[in-house]
Amino acid sequence: MCLADYLCDLLTYFNDLARCFDEIETRLQYNSFLQPFLF
């Protein structure tokens, strides 16, 4: 696997991760009453 492919995969991975965290954050805002139990 060449370096460019590896970097592309890495960027895709981090983008997916960021999207995932955004979803979690949005859900936490909607369920803010649950926050004391989650942290």
PDB file of N, CA and C in Angstrom:
ATOM      1  N   MET A   1       0.858  -1.195   0.000  1.00  0.00           N
ATOM      2  CA  MET A   1       0.000   0.000   0.000  1.00  0.00           C
ATOM      3  C   MET A   1       0.890   1.240   0.000  1.00  0.00           C
ATOM      4  N   CYS A   2       0.581   2.159  -0.886  1.00  0.00           N
ATOM      5  CA  CYS A   2       1.434   3.346  -0.945  1.00  0.00           C
ATOM      6  C   CYS A   2       0.992   4.389   0.075  1.00  0.00           C
ATOM      7  N   LEU A   3       1.871   5.322   0.321  1.00  0.00           N
ATOM      8  CA  LEU A   3       1.656   6.297   1.389  1.00  0.00           C
ATOM      9  C   LEU A   3       0.416   7.146   1.138  1.00  0.00           C
ATOM     10  N   ALA A   4       0.196   7.528  -0.124  1.00  0.00           N
ATOM     11  CA  ALA A   4      -0.972   8.366  -0.432  1.00  0.00           C
ATOM     12  C   ALA A   4      -2.270   7.640  -0.070  1.00  0.00           C
ATOM     13  N   ASP A   5      -2.339   6.346  -0.416  1.00  0.00           N
ATOM     14  CA  ASP A   5      -3.531   5.565  -0.072  1.00  0.00           C
ATOM     15  C   ASP A   5      -3.716   5.520   1.436  1.00  0.00           C
ATOM     16  N   TYR A   6      -2.610   5.333   2.143  1.00  0.00           N
ATOM     17  CA  TYR A   6      -2.672   5.245   3.592  1.00  0.00           C
ATOM     18  C   TYR A   6      -3.193   6.554   4.186  1.00  0.00           C
ATOM     19  N   LEU A   7      -2.673   7.675   3.689  1.00  0.00           N
ATOM     20  CA  LEU A   7      -3.114   8.985   4.192  1.00  0.00           C
ATOM     21  C   LEU A   7      -4.586   9.226   3.873  1.00  0.00           C
ATOM     22  N   CYS A   8      -5.021   8.814   2.709  1.00  0.00           N
ATOM     23  CA  CYS A   8      -6.434   8.949   2.345  1.00  0.00           C
ATOM     24  C   CYS A   8      -7.306   8.148   3.309  1.00  0.00           C
ATOM     25  N   ASP A   9      -6.905   6.904   3.571  1.00  0.00           N
ATOM     26  CA  ASP A   9      -7.664   6.076   4.508  1.00  0.00           C
ATOM     27  C   ASP A   9      -7.702   6.723   5.889  1.00  0.00           C
ATOM     28  N   LEU A  10      -6.579   7.281   6.304  1.00  0.00           N
ATOM     29  CA  LEU A  10      -6.489   7.916   7.613  1.00  0.00           C
ATOM     30  C   LEU A  10      -7.437   9.112   7.687  1.00  0.00           C
ATOM     31  N   LEU A  11      -7.442   9.930   6.641  1.00  0.00           N
ATOM     32  CA  LEU A  11      -8.327  11.097   6.623  1.00  0.00           C
ATOM     33  C   LEU A  11      -9.792  10.670   6.667  1.00  0.00           C
ATOM     34  N   THR A  12     -10.120   9.649   5.892  1.00  0.00           N
ATOM     35  CA  THR A  12     -11.489   9.141   5.900  1.00  0.00           C
ATOM     36  C   THR A  12     -11.866   8.661   7.289  1.00  0.00           C
ATOM     37  N   TYR A  13     -10.926   7.944   7.925  1.00  0.00           N
ATOM     38  CA  TYR A  13     -11.173   7.423   9.264  1.00  0.00           C
ATOM     39  C   TYR A  13     -11.440   8.559  10.250  1.00  0.00           C
ATOM     40  N   PHE A  14     -10.614   9.604  10.212  1.00  0.00           N
ATOM     41  CA  PHE A  14     -10.788  10.716  11.150  1.00  0.00           C
ATOM     42  C   PHE A  14     -12.077  11.481  10.852  1.00  0.00           C
ATOM     43  N   ASN A  15     -12.438  11.596   9.579  1.00  0.00           N
ATOM     44  CA  ASN A  15     -13.702  12.249   9.234  1.00  0.00           C
ATOM     45  C   ASN A  15     -14.881  11.468   9.806  1.00  0.00           C
ATOM     46  N   ASP A  16     -14.849  10.138   9.669  1.00  0.00           N
ATOM     47  CA  ASP A  16     -15.914   9.314  10.222  1.00  0.00           C
ATOM     48  C   ASP A  16     -15.969   9.468  11.740  1.00  0.00           C
ATOM     49  N   LEU A  17     -14.794   9.496  12.367  1.00  0.00           N
ATOM     50  CA  LEU A  17     -14.722   9.644  13.808  1.00  0.00           C
ATOM     51  C   LEU A  17     -15.330  10.975  14.242  1.00  0.00           C
ATOM     52  N   ALA A  18     -14.971  12.041  13.525  1.00  0.00           N
ATOM     53  CA  ALA A  18     -15.497  13.365  13.861  1.00  0.00           C
ATOM     54  C   ALA A  18     -17.015  13.398  13.707  1.00  0.00           C
ATOM     55  N   ARG A  19     -17.511  12.765  12.645  1.00  0.00           N
ATOM     56  CA  ARG A  19     -18.952  12.727  12.429  1.00  0.00           C
ATOM     57  C   ARG A  19     -19.624  11.975  13.574  1.00  0.00           C
ATOM     58  N   CYS A  20     -18.993  10.892  13.981  1.00  0.00           N
ATOM     59  CA  CYS A  20     -19.523  10.095  15.085  1.00  0.00           C
ATOM     60  C   CYS A  20     -19.609  10.931  16.360  1.00  0.00           C
ATOM     61  N   PHE A  21     -18.533  11.664  16.668  1.00  0.00           N
ATOM     62  CA  PHE A  21     -18.531  12.493  17.875  1.00  0.00           C
ATOM     63  C   PHE A  21     -19.572  13.590  17.773  1.00  0.00           C
ATOM     64  N   ASP A  22     -19.768  14.145  16.575  1.00  0.00           N
ATOM     65  CA  ASP A  22     -20.802  15.167  16.391  1.00  0.00           C
ATOM     66  C   ASP A  22     -22.176  14.593  16.709  1.00  0.00           C
ATOM     67  N   GLU A  23     -22.438  13.382  16.233  1.00  0.00           N
ATOM     68  CA  GLU A  23     -23.722  12.741  16.515  1.00  0.00           C
ATOM     69  C   GLU A  23     -23.906  12.549  18.006  1.00  0.00           C
ATOM     70  N   ILE A  24     -22.856  12.055  18.672  1.00  0.00           N
ATOM     71  CA  ILE A  24     -22.930  11.828  20.113  1.00  0.00           C
ATOM     72  C   ILE A  24     -23.203  13.141  20.837  1.00  0.00           C
ATOM     73  N   GLU A  25     -22.500  14.197  20.427  1.00  0.00           N
ATOM     74  CA  GLU A  25     -22.657  15.499  21.067  1.00  0.00           C
ATOM     75  C   GLU A  25     -24.087  16.004  20.896  1.00  0.00           C
ATOM     76  N   THR A  26     -24.633  15.834  19.684  1.00  0.00           N
ATOM     77  CA  THR A  26     -26.001  16.275  19.431  1.00  0.00           C
ATOM     78  C   THR A  26     -26.980  15.512  20.305  1.00  0.00           C
ATOM     79  N   ARG A  27     -26.775  14.205  20.416  1.00  0.00           N
ATOM     80  CA  ARG A  27     -27.662  13.405  21.256  1.00  0.00           C
ATOM     81  C   ARG A  27     -27.564  13.827  22.713  1.00  0.00           C
ATOM     82  N   LEU A  28     -26.350  14.142  23.152  1.00  0.00           N
ATOM     83  CA  LEU A  28     -26.184  14.574  24.538  1.00  0.00           C
ATOM     84  C   LEU A  28     -26.908  15.885  24.781  1.00  0.00           C
ATOM     85  N   GLN A  29     -26.905  16.772  23.797  1.00  0.00           N
ATOM     86  CA  GLN A  29     -27.610  18.037  23.964  1.00  0.00           C
ATOM     87  C   GLN A  29     -29.115  17.790  24.060  1.00  0.00           C
ATOM     88  N   TYR A  30     -29.618  16.865  23.248  1.00  0.00           N
ATOM     89  CA  TYR A  30     -31.046  16.557  23.312  1.00  0.00           C
ATOM     90  C   TYR A  30     -31.390  15.868  24.628  1.00  0.00           C
ATOM     91  N   ASN A  31     -30.474  15.060  25.122  1.00  0.00           N
ATOM     92  CA  ASN A  31     -30.714  14.313  26.356  1.00  0.00           C
ATOM     93  C   ASN A  31     -29.866  14.877  27.482  1.00  0.00           C
ATOM     94  N   SER A  32     -29.861  16.187  27.629  1.00  0.00           N
ATOM     95  CA  SER A  32     -28.950  16.809  28.594  1.00  0.00           C
ATOM     96  C   SER A  32     -29.250  16.338  30.015  1.00  0.00           C
ATOM     97  N   PHE A  33     -30.474  15.901  30.276  1.00  0.00           N
ATOM     98  CA  PHE A  33     -30.789  15.416  31.612  1.00  0.00           C
ATOM     99  C   PHE A  33     -30.063  14.108  31.922  1.00  0.00           C
ATOM    100  N   LEU A  34     -29.543  13.438  30.892  1.00  0.00           N
ATOM    101  CA  LEU A  34     -28.805  12.189  31.110  1.00  0.00           C
ATOM    102  C   LEU A  34     -27.329  12.428  31.404  1.00  0.00           C
ATOM    103  N   GLN A  35     -26.835  13.642  31.139  1.00  0.00           N
ATOM    104  CA  GLN A  35     -25.401  13.895  31.246  1.00  0.00           C
ATOM    105  C   GLN A  35     -24.805  13.528  32.605  1.00  0.00           C
ATOM    106  N   PRO A  36     -25.467  13.827  33.731  1.00  0.00           N
ATOM    107  CA  PRO A  36     -24.854  13.454  35.016  1.00  0.00           C
ATOM    108  C   PRO A  36     -24.596  11.947  35.136  1.00  0.00           C
ATOM    109  N   PHE A  37     -25.402  11.139  34.454  1.00  0.00           N
ATOM    110  CA  PHE A  37     -25.234   9.688  34.550  1.00  0.00           C
ATOM    111  C   PHE A  37     -24.135   9.188  33.624  1.00  0.00           C
ATOM    112  N   LEU A  38     -23.814   9.979  32.578  1.00  0.00           N
ATOM    113  CA  LEU A  38     -22.843   9.518  31.588  1.00  0.00           C
ATOM    114  C   LEU A  38     -21.420   9.900  31.941  1.00  0.00           C
ATOM    115  N   PHE A  39     -21.240  10.921  32.767  1.00  0.00           N
ATOM    116  CA  PHE A  39     -19.881  11.388  33.049  1.00  0.00           C
ATOM    117  C   PHE A  39     -19.529  11.231  34.518  1.00  0.00           C
TER     118      PHE A  39
END
